[in-house]
Amino acid sequence: MRTIEPSTRPADDSVGMLISRASQQISELVRQEMQLARAEMTQKGKRFGTGGGLFGGAGLLGVLAAQALVVAGIAALALVLPVWASALIVTAVLASSAVVVAMAGKKQIAKAGTPAPEQTMHSLQADVAEIREKAHR
């Protein structure tokens, strides 16, 4: 950072010169603060990116663990049934669960209505109508 040297004889400086110097110092300070903010945000952005990538990797490992659990369930059921029947039963349970979750999701989406912000749109329309009404008076 560049430091700005104070005048050696402040009493001799004119008001205009003092205002000019203060304006220059404020501009320099704002530029330096903006550079600091940019550097800080770049560093934080890199960390968030790395964290997001690690969460993605954890999600992938979680899916693989769930698949291994399904295989273990099939193997356990295969101790009392043929392997094909065990696999078929586990597949049916997973498919049924997927249908139940999909129906619950569909119900939630239907409750939400359209993705447009309806209340905001109605409020804006009311504001426009009120402004037009006052403009015609």
N, C-alpha and C. Protein backbone atom coordinates (compact mmCIF):
# COMPACT_ATOMS: atom_id res chain seq x y z
N MET A 1 0.84 -1.17 0.00
CA MET A 1 0.00 0.00 0.00
C MET A 1 0.88 1.24 0.00
N ARG A 2 0.47 2.23 -0.72
CA ARG A 2 1.18 3.49 -0.77
C ARG A 2 0.66 4.39 0.34
N THR A 3 1.56 4.96 1.07
CA THR A 3 1.12 5.90 2.10
C THR A 3 1.19 7.30 1.54
N ILE A 4 0.29 8.13 1.97
CA ILE A 4 0.24 9.51 1.51
C ILE A 4 0.87 10.38 2.57
N GLU A 5 1.90 11.12 2.16
CA GLU A 5 2.66 11.94 3.10
C GLU A 5 1.87 13.19 3.47
N PRO A 6 1.81 13.51 4.75
CA PRO A 6 1.15 14.76 5.15
C PRO A 6 2.00 15.96 4.74
N SER A 7 1.36 17.05 4.52
CA SER A 7 2.05 18.28 4.14
C SER A 7 2.93 18.75 5.29
N THR A 8 4.07 19.31 4.94
CA THR A 8 4.96 19.78 5.99
C THR A 8 4.49 21.10 6.59
N ARG A 9 3.73 21.89 5.81
CA ARG A 9 3.23 23.17 6.31
C ARG A 9 1.72 23.25 6.08
N PRO A 10 0.87 22.61 6.92
CA PRO A 10 -0.57 22.60 6.70
C PRO A 10 -1.18 23.99 6.76
N ALA A 11 -0.60 24.91 7.45
CA ALA A 11 -1.19 26.24 7.58
C ALA A 11 -1.12 27.01 6.26
N ASP A 12 -0.15 26.66 5.41
CA ASP A 12 0.03 27.38 4.15
C ASP A 12 -0.87 26.83 3.04
N ASP A 13 -1.47 25.65 3.22
CA ASP A 13 -2.30 25.04 2.18
C ASP A 13 -3.64 25.75 2.09
N SER A 14 -4.11 25.91 0.85
CA SER A 14 -5.42 26.53 0.66
C SER A 14 -6.51 25.50 0.93
N VAL A 15 -7.72 25.98 1.13
CA VAL A 15 -8.86 25.09 1.38
C VAL A 15 -9.07 24.18 0.17
N GLY A 16 -8.96 24.74 -1.02
CA GLY A 16 -9.12 23.94 -2.24
C GLY A 16 -8.11 22.82 -2.32
N MET A 17 -6.85 23.14 -1.93
CA MET A 17 -5.79 22.14 -1.95
C MET A 17 -6.09 21.04 -0.92
N LEU A 18 -6.56 21.43 0.25
CA LEU A 18 -6.89 20.45 1.28
C LEU A 18 -8.04 19.55 0.84
N ILE A 19 -9.06 20.12 0.23
CA ILE A 19 -10.20 19.33 -0.26
C ILE A 19 -9.74 18.39 -1.37
N SER A 20 -8.89 18.89 -2.25
CA SER A 20 -8.37 18.05 -3.34
C SER A 20 -7.58 16.88 -2.80
N ARG A 21 -6.72 17.15 -1.81
CA ARG A 21 -5.91 16.09 -1.21
C ARG A 21 -6.80 15.07 -0.49
N ALA A 22 -7.82 15.57 0.25
CA ALA A 22 -8.73 14.66 0.96
C ALA A 22 -9.48 13.79 -0.03
N SER A 23 -9.93 14.38 -1.13
CA SER A 23 -10.65 13.63 -2.16
C SER A 23 -9.75 12.55 -2.76
N GLN A 24 -8.50 12.92 -3.01
CA GLN A 24 -7.54 11.97 -3.57
C GLN A 24 -7.29 10.82 -2.59
N GLN A 25 -7.14 11.15 -1.32
CA GLN A 25 -6.89 10.13 -0.31
C GLN A 25 -8.09 9.20 -0.15
N ILE A 26 -9.28 9.75 -0.20
CA ILE A 26 -10.49 8.92 -0.08
C ILE A 26 -10.60 8.00 -1.29
N SER A 27 -10.32 8.52 -2.48
CA SER A 27 -10.37 7.69 -3.69
C SER A 27 -9.37 6.54 -3.60
N GLU A 28 -8.16 6.85 -3.15
CA GLU A 28 -7.13 5.82 -3.00
C GLU A 28 -7.55 4.78 -1.96
N LEU A 29 -8.11 5.23 -0.86
CA LEU A 29 -8.57 4.32 0.18
C LEU A 29 -9.67 3.39 -0.35
N VAL A 30 -10.62 3.94 -1.08
CA VAL A 30 -11.70 3.13 -1.64
C VAL A 30 -11.14 2.10 -2.61
N ARG A 31 -10.18 2.51 -3.47
CA ARG A 31 -9.57 1.56 -4.41
C ARG A 31 -8.87 0.43 -3.66
N GLN A 32 -8.13 0.78 -2.62
CA GLN A 32 -7.42 -0.24 -1.85
C GLN A 32 -8.39 -1.19 -1.15
N GLU A 33 -9.47 -0.66 -0.62
CA GLU A 33 -10.48 -1.50 0.04
C GLU A 33 -11.14 -2.44 -0.98
N MET A 34 -11.39 -1.93 -2.18
CA MET A 34 -11.99 -2.77 -3.23
C MET A 34 -11.04 -3.89 -3.63
N GLN A 35 -9.74 -3.58 -3.72
CA GLN A 35 -8.76 -4.62 -4.05
C GLN A 35 -8.71 -5.68 -2.95
N LEU A 36 -8.76 -5.24 -1.70
CA LEU A 36 -8.77 -6.17 -0.58
C LEU A 36 -10.01 -7.05 -0.62
N ALA A 37 -11.17 -6.44 -0.88
CA ALA A 37 -12.42 -7.20 -0.95
C ALA A 37 -12.37 -8.23 -2.08
N ARG A 38 -11.83 -7.82 -3.24
CA ARG A 38 -11.73 -8.72 -4.39
C ARG A 38 -10.83 -9.91 -4.06
N ALA A 39 -9.70 -9.65 -3.42
CA ALA A 39 -8.78 -10.73 -3.05
C ALA A 39 -9.42 -11.67 -2.04
N GLU A 40 -10.14 -11.10 -1.07
CA GLU A 40 -10.80 -11.93 -0.05
C GLU A 40 -11.89 -12.80 -0.68
N MET A 41 -12.68 -12.22 -1.58
CA MET A 41 -13.76 -12.99 -2.21
C MET A 41 -13.20 -14.08 -3.12
N THR A 42 -12.08 -13.81 -3.79
CA THR A 42 -11.44 -14.83 -4.62
C THR A 42 -11.00 -16.01 -3.77
N GLN A 43 -10.39 -15.71 -2.64
CA GLN A 43 -9.94 -16.77 -1.74
C GLN A 43 -11.12 -17.57 -1.20
N LYS A 44 -12.18 -16.88 -0.77
CA LYS A 44 -13.36 -17.58 -0.26
C LYS A 44 -14.03 -18.39 -1.35
N GLY A 45 -14.08 -17.86 -2.57
CA GLY A 45 -14.68 -18.59 -3.68
C GLY A 45 -13.95 -19.90 -3.95
N LYS A 46 -12.63 -19.87 -3.88
CA LYS A 46 -11.85 -21.09 -4.09
C LYS A 46 -12.16 -22.12 -3.00
N ARG A 47 -12.28 -21.63 -1.77
CA ARG A 47 -12.58 -22.56 -0.66
C ARG A 47 -13.99 -23.15 -0.80
N PHE A 48 -14.95 -22.31 -1.19
CA PHE A 48 -16.31 -22.83 -1.39
C PHE A 48 -16.33 -23.85 -2.52
N GLY A 49 -15.58 -23.59 -3.58
CA GLY A 49 -15.51 -24.54 -4.69
C GLY A 49 -14.92 -25.87 -4.25
N THR A 50 -13.85 -25.81 -3.48
CA THR A 50 -13.24 -27.03 -2.97
C THR A 50 -14.20 -27.78 -2.05
N GLY A 51 -14.86 -27.03 -1.16
CA GLY A 51 -15.84 -27.65 -0.25
C GLY A 51 -16.98 -28.29 -1.01
N GLY A 52 -17.48 -27.61 -2.04
CA GLY A 52 -18.56 -28.18 -2.86
C GLY A 52 -18.12 -29.46 -3.55
N GLY A 53 -16.89 -29.47 -4.06
CA GLY A 53 -16.37 -30.68 -4.69
C GLY A 53 -16.25 -31.83 -3.70
N LEU A 54 -15.82 -31.51 -2.49
CA LEU A 54 -15.72 -32.56 -1.47
C LEU A 54 -17.09 -33.09 -1.08
N PHE A 55 -18.10 -32.18 -0.98
CA PHE A 55 -19.46 -32.65 -0.70
C PHE A 55 -19.98 -33.54 -1.83
N GLY A 56 -19.65 -33.18 -3.07
CA GLY A 56 -20.05 -34.01 -4.20
C GLY A 56 -19.44 -35.41 -4.12
N GLY A 57 -18.15 -35.44 -3.75
CA GLY A 57 -17.48 -36.73 -3.58
C GLY A 57 -18.11 -37.55 -2.47
N ALA A 58 -18.49 -36.88 -1.38
CA ALA A 58 -19.15 -37.57 -0.27
C ALA A 58 -20.50 -38.13 -0.72
N GLY A 59 -21.22 -37.36 -1.54
CA GLY A 59 -22.50 -37.85 -2.06
C GLY A 59 -22.33 -39.08 -2.92
N LEU A 60 -21.31 -39.07 -3.78
CA LEU A 60 -21.04 -40.23 -4.63
C LEU A 60 -20.71 -41.45 -3.78
N LEU A 61 -19.87 -41.25 -2.76
CA LEU A 61 -19.53 -42.37 -1.88
C LEU A 61 -20.77 -42.86 -1.11
N GLY A 62 -21.66 -41.94 -0.75
CA GLY A 62 -22.90 -42.35 -0.08
C GLY A 62 -23.78 -43.20 -0.99
N VAL A 63 -23.86 -42.83 -2.27
CA VAL A 63 -24.65 -43.63 -3.23
C VAL A 63 -24.02 -45.02 -3.38
N LEU A 64 -22.70 -45.07 -3.48
CA LEU A 64 -22.04 -46.38 -3.58
C LEU A 64 -22.27 -47.22 -2.33
N ALA A 65 -22.28 -46.59 -1.16
CA ALA A 65 -22.54 -47.32 0.08
C ALA A 65 -23.96 -47.85 0.09
N ALA A 66 -24.91 -47.05 -0.41
CA ALA A 66 -26.30 -47.52 -0.47
C ALA A 66 -26.42 -48.71 -1.43
N GLN A 67 -25.70 -48.66 -2.55
CA GLN A 67 -25.73 -49.79 -3.48
C GLN A 67 -25.14 -51.04 -2.83
N ALA A 68 -24.07 -50.86 -2.08
CA ALA A 68 -23.47 -52.01 -1.39
C ALA A 68 -24.44 -52.58 -0.36
N LEU A 69 -25.20 -51.71 0.30
CA LEU A 69 -26.19 -52.17 1.28
C LEU A 69 -27.29 -52.97 0.59
N VAL A 70 -27.70 -52.53 -0.60
CA VAL A 70 -28.72 -53.27 -1.36
C VAL A 70 -28.18 -54.66 -1.72
N VAL A 71 -26.94 -54.71 -2.16
CA VAL A 71 -26.34 -56.00 -2.50
C VAL A 71 -26.26 -56.89 -1.26
N ALA A 72 -25.92 -56.31 -0.13
CA ALA A 72 -25.85 -57.09 1.12
C ALA A 72 -27.24 -57.61 1.49
N GLY A 73 -28.27 -56.79 1.27
CA GLY A 73 -29.64 -57.25 1.53
C GLY A 73 -30.02 -58.41 0.63
N ILE A 74 -29.65 -58.33 -0.64
CA ILE A 74 -29.93 -59.43 -1.57
C ILE A 74 -29.20 -60.69 -1.12
N ALA A 75 -27.93 -60.52 -0.74
CA ALA A 75 -27.14 -61.69 -0.30
C ALA A 75 -27.72 -62.31 0.96
N ALA A 76 -28.19 -61.47 1.88
CA ALA A 76 -28.77 -62.00 3.11
C ALA A 76 -30.06 -62.76 2.82
N LEU A 77 -30.88 -62.18 1.92
CA LEU A 77 -32.14 -62.85 1.56
C LEU A 77 -31.88 -64.13 0.77
N ALA A 78 -30.73 -64.16 0.06
CA ALA A 78 -30.36 -65.34 -0.73
C ALA A 78 -30.01 -66.53 0.15
N LEU A 79 -29.85 -66.32 1.44
CA LEU A 79 -29.57 -67.44 2.33
C LEU A 79 -30.80 -68.33 2.49
N VAL A 80 -32.01 -67.72 2.31
CA VAL A 80 -33.23 -68.51 2.48
C VAL A 80 -34.00 -68.68 1.18
N LEU A 81 -33.68 -67.90 0.15
CA LEU A 81 -34.35 -67.98 -1.15
C LEU A 81 -33.30 -68.07 -2.25
N PRO A 82 -33.70 -68.43 -3.46
CA PRO A 82 -32.75 -68.39 -4.57
C PRO A 82 -32.31 -66.93 -4.82
N VAL A 83 -31.11 -66.75 -5.37
CA VAL A 83 -30.56 -65.41 -5.59
C VAL A 83 -31.47 -64.58 -6.47
N TRP A 84 -32.03 -65.19 -7.54
CA TRP A 84 -32.89 -64.42 -8.45
C TRP A 84 -34.13 -63.91 -7.72
N ALA A 85 -34.69 -64.72 -6.81
CA ALA A 85 -35.88 -64.30 -6.07
C ALA A 85 -35.52 -63.19 -5.07
N SER A 86 -34.37 -63.30 -4.45
CA SER A 86 -33.91 -62.26 -3.52
C SER A 86 -33.75 -60.93 -4.26
N ALA A 87 -33.11 -60.97 -5.41
CA ALA A 87 -32.90 -59.76 -6.19
C ALA A 87 -34.23 -59.17 -6.64
N LEU A 88 -35.16 -60.03 -7.03
CA LEU A 88 -36.47 -59.56 -7.49
C LEU A 88 -37.24 -58.90 -6.34
N ILE A 89 -37.19 -59.47 -5.15
CA ILE A 89 -37.89 -58.90 -4.00
C ILE A 89 -37.30 -57.54 -3.63
N VAL A 90 -35.98 -57.45 -3.56
CA VAL A 90 -35.33 -56.19 -3.22
C VAL A 90 -35.63 -55.13 -4.29
N THR A 91 -35.64 -55.52 -5.55
CA THR A 91 -35.97 -54.59 -6.64
C THR A 91 -37.40 -54.09 -6.50
N ALA A 92 -38.32 -54.97 -6.17
CA ALA A 92 -39.72 -54.57 -6.00
C ALA A 92 -39.88 -53.60 -4.84
N VAL A 93 -39.17 -53.85 -3.74
CA VAL A 93 -39.25 -52.95 -2.59
C VAL A 93 -38.69 -51.57 -2.95
N LEU A 94 -37.56 -51.54 -3.65
CA LEU A 94 -36.97 -50.26 -4.05
C LEU A 94 -37.86 -49.52 -5.04
N ALA A 95 -38.44 -50.23 -6.00
CA ALA A 95 -39.33 -49.59 -6.98
C ALA A 95 -40.59 -49.05 -6.31
N SER A 96 -41.14 -49.80 -5.37
CA SER A 96 -42.32 -49.31 -4.64
C SER A 96 -41.99 -48.06 -3.83
N SER A 97 -40.84 -48.08 -3.20
CA SER A 97 -40.41 -46.90 -2.45
C SER A 97 -40.23 -45.69 -3.37
N ALA A 98 -39.67 -45.91 -4.56
CA ALA A 98 -39.47 -44.82 -5.51
C ALA A 98 -40.82 -44.24 -5.95
N VAL A 99 -41.83 -45.10 -6.16
CA VAL A 99 -43.15 -44.63 -6.56
C VAL A 99 -43.78 -43.79 -5.44
N VAL A 100 -43.66 -44.24 -4.20
CA VAL A 100 -44.23 -43.50 -3.07
C VAL A 100 -43.56 -42.13 -2.95
N VAL A 101 -42.24 -42.08 -3.05
CA VAL A 101 -41.52 -40.81 -2.95
C VAL A 101 -41.88 -39.89 -4.12
N ALA A 102 -42.00 -40.44 -5.33
CA ALA A 102 -42.37 -39.64 -6.49
C ALA A 102 -43.77 -39.05 -6.34
N MET A 103 -44.70 -39.84 -5.83
CA MET A 103 -46.07 -39.33 -5.64
C MET A 103 -46.09 -38.22 -4.58
N ALA A 104 -45.32 -38.38 -3.52
CA ALA A 104 -45.24 -37.34 -2.49
C ALA A 104 -44.65 -36.07 -3.08
N GLY A 105 -43.63 -36.20 -3.92
CA GLY A 105 -43.03 -35.04 -4.57
C GLY A 105 -44.00 -34.36 -5.51
N LYS A 106 -44.77 -35.16 -6.25
CA LYS A 106 -45.76 -34.60 -7.18
C LYS A 106 -46.82 -33.82 -6.40
N LYS A 107 -47.23 -34.36 -5.25
CA LYS A 107 -48.24 -33.68 -4.43
C LYS A 107 -47.71 -32.35 -3.92
N GLN A 108 -46.44 -32.30 -3.51
CA GLN A 108 -45.84 -31.06 -3.02
C GLN A 108 -45.73 -30.02 -4.14
N ILE A 109 -45.39 -30.45 -5.33
CA ILE A 109 -45.30 -29.54 -6.47
C ILE A 109 -46.67 -29.00 -6.83
N ALA A 110 -47.68 -29.85 -6.77
CA ALA A 110 -49.04 -29.40 -7.07
C ALA A 110 -49.51 -28.38 -6.04
N LYS A 111 -49.15 -28.55 -4.77
CA LYS A 111 -49.52 -27.60 -3.72
C LYS A 111 -48.85 -26.25 -3.95
N ALA A 112 -47.64 -26.28 -4.50
CA ALA A 112 -46.88 -25.04 -4.68
C ALA A 112 -47.49 -24.16 -5.76
N GLY A 113 -48.21 -24.74 -6.70
CA GLY A 113 -48.81 -23.96 -7.77
C GLY A 113 -47.78 -23.61 -8.83
N THR A 114 -47.98 -22.47 -9.48
CA THR A 114 -47.06 -22.05 -10.52
C THR A 114 -45.78 -21.52 -9.89
N PRO A 115 -44.68 -21.57 -10.62
CA PRO A 115 -43.42 -21.09 -10.04
C PRO A 115 -43.33 -19.56 -9.98
N ALA A 116 -44.28 -18.86 -10.57
CA ALA A 116 -44.25 -17.39 -10.56
C ALA A 116 -44.61 -16.88 -9.15
N PRO A 117 -44.03 -15.76 -8.75
CA PRO A 117 -44.35 -15.17 -7.44
C PRO A 117 -45.72 -14.48 -7.50
N GLU A 118 -46.78 -15.23 -7.30
CA GLU A 118 -48.14 -14.74 -7.49
C GLU A 118 -48.49 -13.58 -6.55
N GLN A 119 -48.16 -13.69 -5.29
CA GLN A 119 -48.48 -12.62 -4.35
C GLN A 119 -47.78 -11.32 -4.73
N THR A 120 -46.54 -11.43 -5.14
CA THR A 120 -45.80 -10.24 -5.56
C THR A 120 -46.43 -9.62 -6.79
N MET A 121 -46.84 -10.47 -7.74
CA MET A 121 -47.47 -9.95 -8.96
C MET A 121 -48.77 -9.24 -8.63
N HIS A 122 -49.58 -9.80 -7.75
CA HIS A 122 -50.84 -9.15 -7.36
C HIS A 122 -50.55 -7.83 -6.65
N SER A 123 -49.55 -7.82 -5.80
CA SER A 123 -49.19 -6.60 -5.09
C SER A 123 -48.72 -5.52 -6.06
N LEU A 124 -47.91 -5.91 -7.04
CA LEU A 124 -47.45 -4.95 -8.04
C LEU A 124 -48.61 -4.42 -8.88
N GLN A 125 -49.51 -5.30 -9.26
CA GLN A 125 -50.68 -4.87 -10.03
C GLN A 125 -51.51 -3.88 -9.23
N ALA A 126 -51.68 -4.13 -7.94
CA ALA A 126 -52.43 -3.20 -7.09
C ALA A 126 -51.71 -1.86 -6.99
N ASP A 127 -50.38 -1.90 -6.88
CA ASP A 127 -49.60 -0.66 -6.81
C ASP A 127 -49.75 0.14 -8.10
N VAL A 128 -49.66 -0.53 -9.24
CA VAL A 128 -49.80 0.14 -10.54
C VAL A 128 -51.20 0.75 -10.66
N ALA A 129 -52.21 0.00 -10.26
CA ALA A 129 -53.59 0.51 -10.33
C ALA A 129 -53.75 1.75 -9.45
N GLU A 130 -53.17 1.73 -8.26
CA GLU A 130 -53.27 2.87 -7.36
C GLU A 130 -52.54 4.08 -7.91
N ILE A 131 -51.37 3.85 -8.51
CA ILE A 131 -50.62 4.96 -9.10
C ILE A 131 -51.39 5.57 -10.26
N ARG A 132 -51.98 4.70 -11.10
CA ARG A 132 -52.78 5.21 -12.23
C ARG A 132 -53.98 6.00 -11.72
N GLU A 133 -54.61 5.51 -10.67
CA GLU A 133 -55.79 6.19 -10.12
C GLU A 133 -55.40 7.57 -9.59
N LYS A 134 -54.28 7.66 -8.92
CA LYS A 134 -53.84 8.95 -8.39
C LYS A 134 -53.37 9.88 -9.50
N ALA A 135 -52.84 9.32 -10.59
CA ALA A 135 -52.38 10.13 -11.71
C ALA A 135 -53.56 10.76 -12.45
N HIS A 136 -54.70 10.10 -12.46
CA HIS A 136 -55.89 10.61 -13.17
C HIS A 136 -56.62 11.66 -12.38
N ARG A 137 -56.32 11.83 -11.12
CA ARG A 137 -57.02 12.81 -10.28
C ARG A 137 -56.57 14.20 -10.57
